[in-house]
Amino acid sequence: MPTLVLIIIGVALLFDFMNGRNDAANSIATVVSTRVLTPFLGVLWAAFWNFAALFIFGVHVAKTVGKGIIESSVINEYVILTALLSAIIWVYACQRYGLPNSVSHALIGGLIGPALLIGGKSALVMAGIIKVTVFIVIAPVFGAVLGFLVMSATMWVFRKTPPRRVDSGFRIMQLVSSAVFSLGHGSNDAQKTIGIISILLFSTGQLGGEFYIPTWVIFASYSTIALGTLAGGKKVIRTLGTSLTHLKPVQGFCAETAGAISVIFATLGGIPVSTTHTITGSIMGVGVAKRLSAVRWGVASNIVKAWLLTIPVNIFISGTIYYIVSRFIL
C-alpha cells in the first residue's frame, strides 16, 4: 500500500478519534450533569457502547459517505486528505471554545470544497447532499419534538409520584438510555470514517474494481472512536450538560431516549446525521416541556450559529487547502 495512502488512513483515524472526543459530550452530558455517573465512568460507559455498536448495525451510513456525496471520478488521495484536514481544524476550533458542532457536516463540507474546484457542480451528488443538509434542520427539530413529547408523557404518568422517588428510579433508567444513545452514536459516527477510508482505498485501486467495506476498516474505526470517547471533551460536556438547561435524572432519561430514537432511525436509513444536533434538540425539547425559560436561549443561539456555519466554512477551508496543494504538488 502506498505511503501516502497509509498516512491519509492515519489522518482519518485521527479525525475519528477527535469525533469520539468531541461527541463524548453527546453521549454523557446528561448522565454526568445529573450526577448519575462521574465524568470518568461516563466516558467509560459511552466508549463501551460506542464499540458495541459494531456488532449490531450495518454499514448503510458508510456507503452514503463513500459514494453519496461527491462523484467517485473526482476523488483522489488529496481530496480525501484536504477534507479530513479541514474537518479536524474545524472540530478542534469548536472544541477549544466549547461549541457543540457536527463532525459529520464538517467532513461533508470538506469533501465538497475540492470537488467543486475539480469538476464544478457536476462533481457533486446532489441527492446525497440534499438529504444530509435537510437533516441539519430535521435532526434537531425531530429531537426537540420527541424530547418534548417523551418528557410531557413522563410528567403525566408520574404526576402523583413523589419527586424523590421519581429521581431515584430514573437514575437507574438513565444508565439504559445513555447506553442506547451511545450505541446510536457509535453506529452513525464511526461509519463516517469507515466510508472515507473505504472510498480512499477504492479510488487508489486497493479494493480492486468493486467498492466494498473491508472488515479491518470497520474494526479500526469503531475502536478509534471509542478511544476518542474515553478522552472526552470537558468544555462541550459543560455546555450541553449544564449551560443549555438544568437537568434532573428524569429529564436526562427523556433527552437521551429521544436522541437515541432519532439517531438510530437515521442510521438505519443510511443518513449521516449529526448526533450533536439531535441530542441538543432533545435537551431543548425536554427543557421546554418544563417551561420556555428553562432553556438558555442565548447559549442555544450560539450553538445554532456554529451548525449553520459548519458546511460553508469547511467548503472554504478544504477548497483553499486543495488549491494550495494543487499548485505545488499536483
C-alpha atoms as a PDB file:
ATOM      1  CA  MET A   1       0.000   0.000   0.000  1.00  0.00           C
ATOM      2  CA  PRO A   2       1.476   3.428  -0.966  1.00  0.00           C
ATOM      3  CA  THR A   3       2.949   5.508   1.855  1.00  0.00           C
ATOM      4  CA  LEU A   4       0.631   8.461   1.150  1.00  0.00           C
ATOM      5  CA  VAL A   5      -2.426   6.220   1.466  1.00  0.00           C
ATOM      6  CA  LEU A   6      -1.163   4.917   4.827  1.00  0.00           C
ATOM      7  CA  ILE A   7      -0.608   8.492   6.022  1.00  0.00           C
ATOM      8  CA  ILE A   8      -4.130   9.503   4.998  1.00  0.00           C
ATOM      9  CA  ILE A   9      -5.593   6.462   6.783  1.00  0.00           C
ATOM     10  CA  GLY A  10      -3.723   7.658   9.882  1.00  0.00           C
ATOM     11  CA  VAL A  11      -5.218  11.154   9.459  1.00  0.00           C
ATOM     12  CA  ALA A  12      -8.685   9.589   9.005  1.00  0.00           C
ATOM     13  CA  LEU A  13      -8.299   7.691  12.265  1.00  0.00           C
ATOM     14  CA  LEU A  14      -7.128  10.906  13.961  1.00  0.00           C
ATOM     15  CA  PHE A  15     -10.348  12.505  12.686  1.00  0.00           C
ATOM     16  CA  ASP A  16     -12.260   9.520  14.074  1.00  0.00           C
ATOM     17  CA  PHE A  17     -10.560   9.964  17.446  1.00  0.00           C
ATOM     18  CA  MET A  18     -11.461  13.664  17.515  1.00  0.00           C
ATOM     19  CA  ASN A  19     -15.011  12.740  16.510  1.00  0.00           C
ATOM     20  CA  GLY A  20     -15.296  10.478  19.551  1.00  0.00           C
ATOM     21  CA  ARG A  21     -13.646  13.066  21.789  1.00  0.00           C
ATOM     22  CA  ASN A  22     -15.995  15.800  20.585  1.00  0.00           C
ATOM     23  CA  ASP A  23     -19.120  13.655  20.703  1.00  0.00           C
ATOM     24  CA  ALA A  24     -18.392  12.112  24.097  1.00  0.00           C
ATOM     25  CA  ALA A  25     -20.393  15.064  25.355  1.00  0.00           C
ATOM     26  CA  ASN A  26     -23.425  13.984  23.350  1.00  0.00           C
ATOM     27  CA  SER A  27     -23.416  10.561  24.969  1.00  0.00           C
ATOM     28  CA  ILE A  28     -22.710  11.504  28.574  1.00  0.00           C
ATOM     29  CA  ALA A  29     -23.574  15.184  29.107  1.00  0.00           C
ATOM     30  CA  THR A  30     -26.956  14.390  30.615  1.00  0.00           C
ATOM     31  CA  VAL A  31     -25.858  11.396  32.690  1.00  0.00           C
ATOM     32  CA  VAL A  32     -22.919  13.420  34.104  1.00  0.00           C
ATOM     33  CA  SER A  33     -24.873  16.633  34.696  1.00  0.00           C
ATOM     34  CA  THR A  34     -27.475  14.679  36.694  1.00  0.00           C
ATOM     35  CA  ARG A  35     -24.607  13.069  38.682  1.00  0.00           C
ATOM     36  CA  VAL A  36     -25.708   9.545  37.848  1.00  0.00           C
ATOM     37  CA  LEU A  37     -22.103   8.883  36.768  1.00  0.00           C
ATOM     38  CA  THR A  38     -18.820  10.710  37.281  1.00  0.00           C
ATOM     39  CA  PRO A  39     -17.214  12.101  34.081  1.00  0.00           C
ATOM     40  CA  PHE A  40     -14.683   9.232  34.032  1.00  0.00           C
ATOM     41  CA  LEU A  41     -17.269   6.478  34.468  1.00  0.00           C
ATOM     42  CA  GLY A  42     -19.499   8.293  31.976  1.00  0.00           C
ATOM     43  CA  VAL A  43     -16.936   8.248  29.165  1.00  0.00           C
ATOM     44  CA  LEU A  44     -16.005   4.642  30.006  1.00  0.00           C
ATOM     45  CA  TRP A  45     -19.677   3.668  29.766  1.00  0.00           C
ATOM     46  CA  ALA A  46     -20.151   5.546  26.481  1.00  0.00           C
ATOM     47  CA  ALA A  47     -16.941   4.171  24.936  1.00  0.00           C
ATOM     48  CA  PHE A  48     -18.006   0.587  25.643  1.00  0.00           C
ATOM     49  CA  TRP A  49     -21.355   1.057  23.914  1.00  0.00           C
ATOM     50  CA  ASN A  50     -19.773   3.012  21.060  1.00  0.00           C
ATOM     51  CA  PHE A  51     -17.694  -0.050  20.234  1.00  0.00           C
ATOM     52  CA  ALA A  52     -20.548  -2.496  20.865  1.00  0.00           C
ATOM     53  CA  ALA A  53     -22.486  -0.865  18.014  1.00  0.00           C
ATOM     54  CA  LEU A  54     -20.077  -2.600  15.623  1.00  0.00           C
ATOM     55  CA  PHE A  55     -21.891  -5.895  16.215  1.00  0.00           C
ATOM     56  CA  ILE A  56     -25.435  -4.531  15.879  1.00  0.00           C
ATOM     57  CA  PHE A  57     -25.706  -2.143  12.919  1.00  0.00           C
ATOM     58  CA  GLY A  58     -24.747  -2.439   9.253  1.00  0.00           C
ATOM     59  CA  VAL A  59     -22.713  -0.021   7.130  1.00  0.00           C
ATOM     60  CA  HIS A  60     -25.501   1.986   5.449  1.00  0.00           C
ATOM     61  CA  VAL A  61     -24.092   5.343   6.562  1.00  0.00           C
ATOM     62  CA  ALA A  62     -20.562   4.377   5.448  1.00  0.00           C
ATOM     63  CA  LYS A  63     -21.857   3.688   1.938  1.00  0.00           C
ATOM     64  CA  THR A  64     -23.594   7.079   1.820  1.00  0.00           C
ATOM     65  CA  VAL A  65     -20.376   8.871   2.814  1.00  0.00           C
ATOM     66  CA  GLY A  66     -18.292   6.731   0.463  1.00  0.00           C
ATOM     67  CA  LYS A  67     -20.461   7.061  -2.643  1.00  0.00           C
ATOM     68  CA  GLY A  68     -23.256   9.539  -1.954  1.00  0.00           C
ATOM     69  CA  ILE A  69     -21.631  12.985  -1.547  1.00  0.00           C
ATOM     70  CA  ILE A  70     -19.227  13.544  -4.467  1.00  0.00           C
ATOM     71  CA  GLU A  71     -18.640  11.649  -7.706  1.00  0.00           C
ATOM     72  CA  SER A  72     -16.014   8.914  -7.442  1.00  0.00           C
ATOM     73  CA  SER A  73     -14.364  10.176 -10.659  1.00  0.00           C
ATOM     74  CA  VAL A  74     -13.046  13.308  -8.877  1.00  0.00           C
ATOM     75  CA  ILE A  75     -11.788  11.527  -5.773  1.00  0.00           C
ATOM     76  CA  ASN A  76      -8.066  11.134  -5.222  1.00  0.00           C
ATOM     77  CA  GLU A  77      -5.760  10.964  -2.225  1.00  0.00           C
ATOM     78  CA  TYR A  78      -5.514  14.738  -1.911  1.00  0.00           C
ATOM     79  CA  VAL A  79      -9.285  15.270  -1.972  1.00  0.00           C
ATOM     80  CA  ILE A  80      -9.650  12.898   0.978  1.00  0.00           C
ATOM     81  CA  LEU A  81      -6.667  14.413   2.801  1.00  0.00           C
ATOM     82  CA  THR A  82      -7.872  18.015   2.451  1.00  0.00           C
ATOM     83  CA  ALA A  83     -11.407  17.043   3.543  1.00  0.00           C
ATOM     84  CA  LEU A  84     -10.025  15.408   6.677  1.00  0.00           C
ATOM     85  CA  LEU A  85      -7.653  18.274   7.492  1.00  0.00           C
ATOM     86  CA  SER A  86     -10.464  20.798   7.105  1.00  0.00           C
ATOM     87  CA  ALA A  87     -12.762  18.817   9.402  1.00  0.00           C
ATOM     88  CA  ILE A  88     -10.016  18.378  12.006  1.00  0.00           C
ATOM     89  CA  ILE A  89      -9.288  22.135  12.031  1.00  0.00           C
ATOM     90  CA  TRP A  90     -12.984  22.971  12.460  1.00  0.00           C
ATOM     91  CA  VAL A  91     -13.619  20.373  15.175  1.00  0.00           C
ATOM     92  CA  TYR A  92     -10.546  21.496  17.109  1.00  0.00           C
ATOM     93  CA  ALA A  93     -11.643  25.149  16.933  1.00  0.00           C
ATOM     94  CA  CYS A  94     -15.151  24.297  18.171  1.00  0.00           C
ATOM     95  CA  GLN A  95     -13.798  22.132  20.980  1.00  0.00           C
ATOM     96  CA  ARG A  96     -11.476  24.935  22.063  1.00  0.00           C
ATOM     97  CA  TYR A  97     -14.428  27.293  22.530  1.00  0.00           C
ATOM     98  CA  GLY A  98     -16.818  24.657  23.892  1.00  0.00           C
ATOM     99  CA  LEU A  99     -19.190  24.751  20.921  1.00  0.00           C
ATOM    100  CA  PRO A 100     -21.063  21.529  20.066  1.00  0.00           C
ATOM    101  CA  ASN A 101     -20.615  21.004  16.337  1.00  0.00           C
ATOM    102  CA  SER A 102     -21.353  18.458  13.667  1.00  0.00           C
ATOM    103  CA  VAL A 103     -18.291  16.397  12.792  1.00  0.00           C
ATOM    104  CA  SER A 104     -20.361  14.774  10.035  1.00  0.00           C
ATOM    105  CA  HIS A 105     -21.140  18.059   8.335  1.00  0.00           C
ATOM    106  CA  ALA A 106     -17.545  19.237   8.730  1.00  0.00           C
ATOM    107  CA  LEU A 107     -16.403  16.173   6.783  1.00  0.00           C
ATOM    108  CA  ILE A 108     -19.094  16.592   4.132  1.00  0.00           C
ATOM    109  CA  GLY A 109     -18.206  20.264   3.636  1.00  0.00           C
ATOM    110  CA  GLY A 110     -14.574  19.183   3.430  1.00  0.00           C
ATOM    111  CA  LEU A 111     -15.369  16.784   0.582  1.00  0.00           C
ATOM    112  CA  ILE A 112     -17.429  19.344  -1.344  1.00  0.00           C
ATOM    113  CA  GLY A 113     -14.699  22.038  -1.379  1.00  0.00           C
ATOM    114  CA  PRO A 114     -12.078  20.267  -3.538  1.00  0.00           C
ATOM    115  CA  ALA A 115     -14.762  18.509  -5.620  1.00  0.00           C
ATOM    116  CA  LEU A 116     -16.097  21.912  -6.715  1.00  0.00           C
ATOM    117  CA  LEU A 117     -12.593  23.016  -7.739  1.00  0.00           C
ATOM    118  CA  ILE A 118     -12.036  19.858  -9.771  1.00  0.00           C
ATOM    119  CA  GLY A 119     -15.360  19.332 -11.505  1.00  0.00           C
ATOM    120  CA  GLY A 120     -17.715  22.129 -10.502  1.00  0.00           C
ATOM    121  CA  LYS A 121     -21.323  21.379  -9.616  1.00  0.00           C
ATOM    122  CA  SER A 122     -21.320  18.230 -11.787  1.00  0.00           C
ATOM    123  CA  ALA A 123     -18.838  16.651  -9.342  1.00  0.00           C
ATOM    124  CA  LEU A 124     -21.444  16.700  -6.574  1.00  0.00           C
ATOM    125  CA  VAL A 125     -24.038  14.006  -5.869  1.00  0.00           C
ATOM    126  CA  MET A 126     -26.840  16.453  -5.173  1.00  0.00           C
ATOM    127  CA  ALA A 127     -29.343  13.847  -3.957  1.00  0.00           C
ATOM    128  CA  GLY A 128     -26.989  12.785  -1.177  1.00  0.00           C
ATOM    129  CA  ILE A 129     -26.013  16.329  -0.251  1.00  0.00           C
ATOM    130  CA  ILE A 130     -29.644  17.465  -0.113  1.00  0.00           C
ATOM    131  CA  LYS A 131     -30.518  14.503   2.128  1.00  0.00           C
ATOM    132  CA  VAL A 132     -27.744  15.442   4.540  1.00  0.00           C
ATOM    133  CA  THR A 133     -28.439  19.187   4.573  1.00  0.00           C
ATOM    134  CA  VAL A 134     -32.176  18.680   5.049  1.00  0.00           C
ATOM    135  CA  PHE A 135     -31.373  16.717   8.191  1.00  0.00           C
ATOM    136  CA  ILE A 136     -29.452  19.716   9.564  1.00  0.00           C
ATOM    137  CA  VAL A 137     -32.937  21.080  10.226  1.00  0.00           C
ATOM    138  CA  ILE A 138     -34.873  17.843  10.688  1.00  0.00           C
ATOM    139  CA  ALA A 139     -32.497  16.215  13.237  1.00  0.00           C
ATOM    140  CA  PRO A 140     -32.661  18.878  15.972  1.00  0.00           C
ATOM    141  CA  VAL A 141     -36.352  19.623  15.329  1.00  0.00           C
ATOM    142  CA  PHE A 142     -37.267  15.927  15.452  1.00  0.00           C
ATOM    143  CA  GLY A 143     -35.136  15.511  18.582  1.00  0.00           C
ATOM    144  CA  ALA A 144     -36.790  18.540  20.200  1.00  0.00           C
ATOM    145  CA  VAL A 145     -40.326  17.412  19.382  1.00  0.00           C
ATOM    146  CA  LEU A 146     -39.625  13.874  20.543  1.00  0.00           C
ATOM    147  CA  GLY A 147     -37.911  15.158  23.701  1.00  0.00           C
ATOM    148  CA  PHE A 148     -40.914  17.380  24.446  1.00  0.00           C
ATOM    149  CA  LEU A 149     -43.390  14.526  23.905  1.00  0.00           C
ATOM    150  CA  VAL A 150     -41.433  11.963  25.939  1.00  0.00           C
ATOM    151  CA  MET A 151     -40.947  14.451  28.772  1.00  0.00           C
ATOM    152  CA  SER A 152     -44.597  15.544  28.734  1.00  0.00           C
ATOM    153  CA  ALA A 153     -45.814  11.924  28.746  1.00  0.00           C
ATOM    154  CA  THR A 154     -43.430  11.026  31.569  1.00  0.00           C
ATOM    155  CA  MET A 155     -44.559  14.009  33.651  1.00  0.00           C
ATOM    156  CA  TRP A 156     -48.181  12.950  33.207  1.00  0.00           C
ATOM    157  CA  VAL A 157     -47.558   9.281  34.031  1.00  0.00           C
ATOM    158  CA  PHE A 158     -45.620  10.116  37.210  1.00  0.00           C
ATOM    159  CA  ARG A 159     -47.639  13.207  38.182  1.00  0.00           C
ATOM    160  CA  LYS A 160     -48.744  11.666  41.504  1.00  0.00           C
ATOM    161  CA  THR A 161     -45.381  10.130  42.385  1.00  0.00           C
ATOM    162  CA  PRO A 162     -43.198  11.983  44.921  1.00  0.00           C
ATOM    163  CA  PRO A 163     -40.264  13.757  43.141  1.00  0.00           C
ATOM    164  CA  ARG A 164     -37.657  11.936  45.244  1.00  0.00           C
ATOM    165  CA  ARG A 165     -38.974   8.525  44.136  1.00  0.00           C
ATOM    166  CA  VAL A 166     -39.068   9.665  40.508  1.00  0.00           C
ATOM    167  CA  ASP A 167     -35.441  10.829  40.639  1.00  0.00           C
ATOM    168  CA  SER A 168     -34.319   7.620  42.334  1.00  0.00           C
ATOM    169  CA  GLY A 169     -35.960   5.383  39.719  1.00  0.00           C
ATOM    170  CA  PHE A 170     -34.784   7.378  36.724  1.00  0.00           C
ATOM    171  CA  ARG A 171     -31.174   7.415  37.894  1.00  0.00           C
ATOM    172  CA  ILE A 172     -31.083   3.706  37.035  1.00  0.00           C
ATOM    173  CA  MET A 173     -33.123   4.092  33.860  1.00  0.00           C
ATOM    174  CA  GLN A 174     -30.788   6.833  32.678  1.00  0.00           C
ATOM    175  CA  LEU A 175     -27.944   4.333  32.506  1.00  0.00           C
ATOM    176  CA  VAL A 176     -30.000   2.379  29.971  1.00  0.00           C
ATOM    177  CA  SER A 177     -30.967   5.429  27.914  1.00  0.00           C
ATOM    178  CA  SER A 178     -27.347   6.647  27.891  1.00  0.00           C
ATOM    179  CA  ALA A 179     -26.157   3.236  26.681  1.00  0.00           C
ATOM    180  CA  VAL A 180     -28.717   3.171  23.859  1.00  0.00           C
ATOM    181  CA  PHE A 181     -27.765   6.693  22.764  1.00  0.00           C
ATOM    182  CA  SER A 182     -24.078   5.697  22.781  1.00  0.00           C
ATOM    183  CA  LEU A 183     -24.955   2.720  20.583  1.00  0.00           C
ATOM    184  CA  GLY A 184     -26.642   5.075  18.141  1.00  0.00           C
ATOM    185  CA  HIS A 185     -23.718   7.490  18.251  1.00  0.00           C
ATOM    186  CA  GLY A 186     -21.165   4.763  17.597  1.00  0.00           C
ATOM    187  CA  SER A 187     -23.196   3.283  14.764  1.00  0.00           C
ATOM    188  CA  ASN A 188     -23.655   6.596  12.923  1.00  0.00           C
ATOM    189  CA  ASP A 189     -20.393   8.422  13.559  1.00  0.00           C
ATOM    190  CA  ALA A 190     -17.852   5.605  13.270  1.00  0.00           C
ATOM    191  CA  GLN A 191     -19.332   4.781   9.876  1.00  0.00           C
ATOM    192  CA  LYS A 192     -18.329   8.197   8.513  1.00  0.00           C
ATOM    193  CA  THR A 193     -14.666   7.299   8.965  1.00  0.00           C
ATOM    194  CA  ILE A 194     -15.340   3.809   7.600  1.00  0.00           C
ATOM    195  CA  GLY A 195     -16.824   5.391   4.484  1.00  0.00           C
ATOM    196  CA  ILE A 196     -13.977   7.876   3.962  1.00  0.00           C
ATOM    197  CA  ILE A 197     -11.241   5.230   4.355  1.00  0.00           C
ATOM    198  CA  SER A 198     -13.086   2.802   2.090  1.00  0.00           C
ATOM    199  CA  ILE A 199     -13.518   5.343  -0.717  1.00  0.00           C
ATOM    200  CA  LEU A 200      -9.834   6.241  -0.355  1.00  0.00           C
ATOM    201  CA  LEU A 201      -8.861   2.592  -0.777  1.00  0.00           C
ATOM    202  CA  PHE A 202     -11.224   2.202  -3.735  1.00  0.00           C
ATOM    203  CA  SER A 203     -10.065   5.367  -5.515  1.00  0.00           C
ATOM    204  CA  THR A 204      -6.415   4.309  -5.221  1.00  0.00           C
ATOM    205  CA  GLY A 205      -7.077   0.804  -6.536  1.00  0.00           C
ATOM    206  CA  GLN A 206      -6.605  -1.026  -3.220  1.00  0.00           C
ATOM    207  CA  LEU A 207     -10.046  -2.697  -3.360  1.00  0.00           C
ATOM    208  CA  GLY A 208      -9.995  -3.849  -6.952  1.00  0.00           C
ATOM    209  CA  GLY A 209     -12.780  -2.958  -9.365  1.00  0.00           C
ATOM    210  CA  GLU A 210     -15.716  -3.014  -6.942  1.00  0.00           C
ATOM    211  CA  PHE A 211     -16.417  -0.807  -3.917  1.00  0.00           C
ATOM    212  CA  TYR A 212     -16.875  -2.635  -0.613  1.00  0.00           C
ATOM    213  CA  ILE A 213     -16.190  -2.087   3.095  1.00  0.00           C
ATOM    214  CA  PRO A 214     -13.147  -4.042   4.381  1.00  0.00           C
ATOM    215  CA  THR A 215     -13.618  -5.694   7.783  1.00  0.00           C
ATOM    216  CA  TRP A 216     -10.368  -4.281   9.185  1.00  0.00           C
ATOM    217  CA  VAL A 217     -11.560  -0.745   8.419  1.00  0.00           C
ATOM    218  CA  ILE A 218     -14.751  -1.373  10.418  1.00  0.00           C
ATOM    219  CA  PHE A 219     -12.865  -2.637  13.499  1.00  0.00           C
ATOM    220  CA  ALA A 220     -10.222   0.119  13.313  1.00  0.00           C
ATOM    221  CA  SER A 221     -12.816   2.886  13.055  1.00  0.00           C
ATOM    222  CA  TYR A 222     -15.035   1.634  15.880  1.00  0.00           C
ATOM    223  CA  SER A 223     -12.017   1.074  18.147  1.00  0.00           C
ATOM    224  CA  THR A 224     -10.664   4.571  17.463  1.00  0.00           C
ATOM    225  CA  ILE A 225     -13.935   6.402  18.072  1.00  0.00           C
ATOM    226  CA  ALA A 226     -14.290   4.511  21.360  1.00  0.00           C
ATOM    227  CA  LEU A 227     -10.792   5.643  22.394  1.00  0.00           C
ATOM    228  CA  GLY A 228     -11.708   9.206  21.446  1.00  0.00           C
ATOM    229  CA  THR A 229     -14.793   8.984  23.618  1.00  0.00           C
ATOM    230  CA  LEU A 230     -12.593   7.871  26.522  1.00  0.00           C
ATOM    231  CA  ALA A 231     -10.574  11.073  26.060  1.00  0.00           C
ATOM    232  CA  GLY A 232     -13.783  13.084  26.480  1.00  0.00           C
ATOM    233  CA  GLY A 233     -14.465  16.739  25.719  1.00  0.00           C
ATOM    234  CA  LYS A 234     -14.937  18.591  29.013  1.00  0.00           C
ATOM    235  CA  LYS A 235     -15.873  22.039  27.648  1.00  0.00           C
ATOM    236  CA  VAL A 236     -18.537  20.632  25.337  1.00  0.00           C
ATOM    237  CA  ILE A 237     -19.874  18.395  28.132  1.00  0.00           C
ATOM    238  CA  ARG A 238     -20.244  21.506  30.263  1.00  0.00           C
ATOM    239  CA  THR A 239     -22.132  23.361  27.511  1.00  0.00           C
ATOM    240  CA  LEU A 240     -24.587  20.535  26.838  1.00  0.00           C
ATOM    241  CA  GLY A 241     -24.893  19.246  30.360  1.00  0.00           C
ATOM    242  CA  THR A 242     -25.227  22.425  32.401  1.00  0.00           C
ATOM    243  CA  SER A 243     -25.213  25.578  30.263  1.00  0.00           C
ATOM    244  CA  LEU A 244     -28.135  24.745  27.975  1.00  0.00           C
ATOM    245  CA  THR A 245     -30.669  23.781  30.652  1.00  0.00           C
ATOM    246  CA  HIS A 246     -30.682  22.307  34.164  1.00  0.00           C
ATOM    247  CA  LEU A 247     -31.383  18.585  34.078  1.00  0.00           C
ATOM    248  CA  LYS A 248     -32.634  16.068  36.614  1.00  0.00           C
ATOM    249  CA  PRO A 249     -32.405  12.277  36.062  1.00  0.00           C
ATOM    250  CA  VAL A 250     -35.929  12.035  34.613  1.00  0.00           C
ATOM    251  CA  GLN A 251     -35.137  14.821  32.147  1.00  0.00           C
ATOM    252  CA  GLY A 252     -31.806  13.241  31.247  1.00  0.00           C
ATOM    253  CA  PHE A 253     -33.571   9.937  30.563  1.00  0.00           C
ATOM    254  CA  CYS A 254     -36.144  11.626  28.304  1.00  0.00           C
ATOM    255  CA  ALA A 255     -33.497  13.582  26.369  1.00  0.00           C
ATOM    256  CA  GLU A 256     -31.331  10.510  25.812  1.00  0.00           C
ATOM    257  CA  THR A 257     -34.297   8.360  24.811  1.00  0.00           C
ATOM    258  CA  ALA A 258     -35.495  10.927  22.267  1.00  0.00           C
ATOM    259  CA  GLY A 259     -31.954  11.381  20.936  1.00  0.00           C
ATOM    260  CA  ALA A 260     -31.326   7.639  20.673  1.00  0.00           C
ATOM    261  CA  ILE A 261     -34.529   7.016  18.720  1.00  0.00           C
ATOM    262  CA  SER A 262     -33.673   9.826  16.299  1.00  0.00           C
ATOM    263  CA  VAL A 263     -30.061   8.741  15.681  1.00  0.00           C
ATOM    264  CA  ILE A 264     -30.821   5.029  15.296  1.00  0.00           C
ATOM    265  CA  PHE A 265     -33.671   5.818  12.899  1.00  0.00           C
ATOM    266  CA  ALA A 266     -31.270   7.886  10.767  1.00  0.00           C
ATOM    267  CA  THR A 267     -28.573   5.193  10.906  1.00  0.00           C
ATOM    268  CA  LEU A 268     -30.922   2.501   9.649  1.00  0.00           C
ATOM    269  CA  GLY A 269     -31.886   4.860   6.811  1.00  0.00           C
ATOM    270  CA  GLY A 270     -28.230   5.387   5.849  1.00  0.00           C
ATOM    271  CA  ILE A 271     -28.323   9.105   6.748  1.00  0.00           C
ATOM    272  CA  PRO A 272     -25.142  10.659   8.219  1.00  0.00           C
ATOM    273  CA  VAL A 273     -26.978  12.645  10.871  1.00  0.00           C
ATOM    274  CA  SER A 274     -25.386  14.882  13.483  1.00  0.00           C
ATOM    275  CA  THR A 275     -25.632  13.313  16.925  1.00  0.00           C
ATOM    276  CA  THR A 276     -24.761  16.740  18.336  1.00  0.00           C
ATOM    277  CA  HIS A 277     -27.733  18.365  16.609  1.00  0.00           C
ATOM    278  CA  THR A 278     -30.010  15.576  17.740  1.00  0.00           C
ATOM    279  CA  ILE A 279     -29.140  15.437  21.437  1.00  0.00           C
ATOM    280  CA  THR A 280     -29.063  19.236  21.681  1.00  0.00           C
ATOM    281  CA  GLY A 281     -32.539  19.413  20.169  1.00  0.00           C
ATOM    282  CA  SER A 282     -33.710  16.707  22.567  1.00  0.00           C
ATOM    283  CA  ILE A 283     -32.328  18.563  25.592  1.00  0.00           C
ATOM    284  CA  MET A 284     -34.045  21.758  24.439  1.00  0.00           C
ATOM    285  CA  GLY A 285     -37.342  19.902  23.933  1.00  0.00           C
ATOM    286  CA  VAL A 286     -37.137  18.449  27.417  1.00  0.00           C
ATOM    287  CA  GLY A 287     -36.405  21.897  28.826  1.00  0.00           C
ATOM    288  CA  VAL A 288     -39.366  23.467  27.000  1.00  0.00           C
ATOM    289  CA  ALA A 289     -41.694  20.762  28.394  1.00  0.00           C
ATOM    290  CA  LYS A 290     -40.869  22.157  31.819  1.00  0.00           C
ATOM    291  CA  ARG A 291     -41.144  25.825  30.790  1.00  0.00           C
ATOM    292  CA  LEU A 292     -39.782  28.034  27.993  1.00  0.00           C
ATOM    293  CA  SER A 293     -37.477  29.909  30.354  1.00  0.00           C
ATOM    294  CA  ALA A 294     -35.791  26.630  31.384  1.00  0.00           C
ATOM    295  CA  VAL A 295     -33.758  26.756  28.148  1.00  0.00           C
ATOM    296  CA  ARG A 296     -30.948  29.303  27.992  1.00  0.00           C
ATOM    297  CA  TRP A 297     -31.761  30.620  24.530  1.00  0.00           C
ATOM    298  CA  GLY A 298     -28.567  32.679  24.260  1.00  0.00           C
ATOM    299  CA  VAL A 299     -26.461  29.523  24.540  1.00  0.00           C
ATOM    300  CA  ALA A 300     -28.787  27.741  22.121  1.00  0.00           C
ATOM    301  CA  SER A 301     -28.441  30.520  19.522  1.00  0.00           C
ATOM    302  CA  ASN A 302     -24.622  30.279  19.621  1.00  0.00           C
ATOM    303  CA  ILE A 303     -24.872  26.531  19.039  1.00  0.00           C
ATOM    304  CA  VAL A 304     -27.201  27.039  16.055  1.00  0.00           C
ATOM    305  CA  LYS A 305     -24.800  29.572  14.522  1.00  0.00           C
ATOM    306  CA  ALA A 306     -21.978  27.009  14.706  1.00  0.00           C
ATOM    307  CA  TRP A 307     -24.223  24.427  12.999  1.00  0.00           C
ATOM    308  CA  LEU A 308     -25.138  26.750  10.123  1.00  0.00           C
ATOM    309  CA  LEU A 309     -21.517  27.743   9.528  1.00  0.00           C
ATOM    310  CA  THR A 310     -20.081  24.220   9.536  1.00  0.00           C
ATOM    311  CA  ILE A 311     -20.586  23.149   5.907  1.00  0.00           C
ATOM    312  CA  PRO A 312     -19.842  26.547   4.260  1.00  0.00           C
ATOM    313  CA  VAL A 313     -16.732  27.138   6.383  1.00  0.00           C
ATOM    314  CA  ASN A 314     -15.394  23.658   5.651  1.00  0.00           C
ATOM    315  CA  ILE A 315     -16.063  24.065   1.932  1.00  0.00           C
ATOM    316  CA  PHE A 316     -13.911  27.197   2.071  1.00  0.00           C
ATOM    317  CA  ILE A 317     -11.152  25.665   4.229  1.00  0.00           C
ATOM    318  CA  SER A 318     -10.837  22.440   2.234  1.00  0.00           C
ATOM    319  CA  GLY A 319     -11.092  24.274  -1.085  1.00  0.00           C
ATOM    320  CA  THR A 320      -8.278  26.607  -0.027  1.00  0.00           C
ATOM    321  CA  ILE A 321      -6.070  23.737   1.147  1.00  0.00           C
ATOM    322  CA  TYR A 322      -6.713  21.776  -2.050  1.00  0.00           C
ATOM    323  CA  TYR A 323      -5.949  24.829  -4.213  1.00  0.00           C
ATOM    324  CA  ILE A 324      -2.585  25.266  -2.479  1.00  0.00           C
ATOM    325  CA  VAL A 325      -1.810  21.554  -2.766  1.00  0.00           C
ATOM    326  CA  SER A 326      -2.764  21.516  -6.481  1.00  0.00           C
ATOM    327  CA  ARG A 327      -0.448  24.461  -7.174  1.00  0.00           C
ATOM    328  CA  PHE A 328       2.629  22.979  -5.522  1.00  0.00           C
ATOM    329  CA  ILE A 329       2.183  19.177  -5.577  1.00  0.00           C
ATOM    330  CA  LEU A 330      -0.232  18.006  -8.299  1.00  0.00           C
END
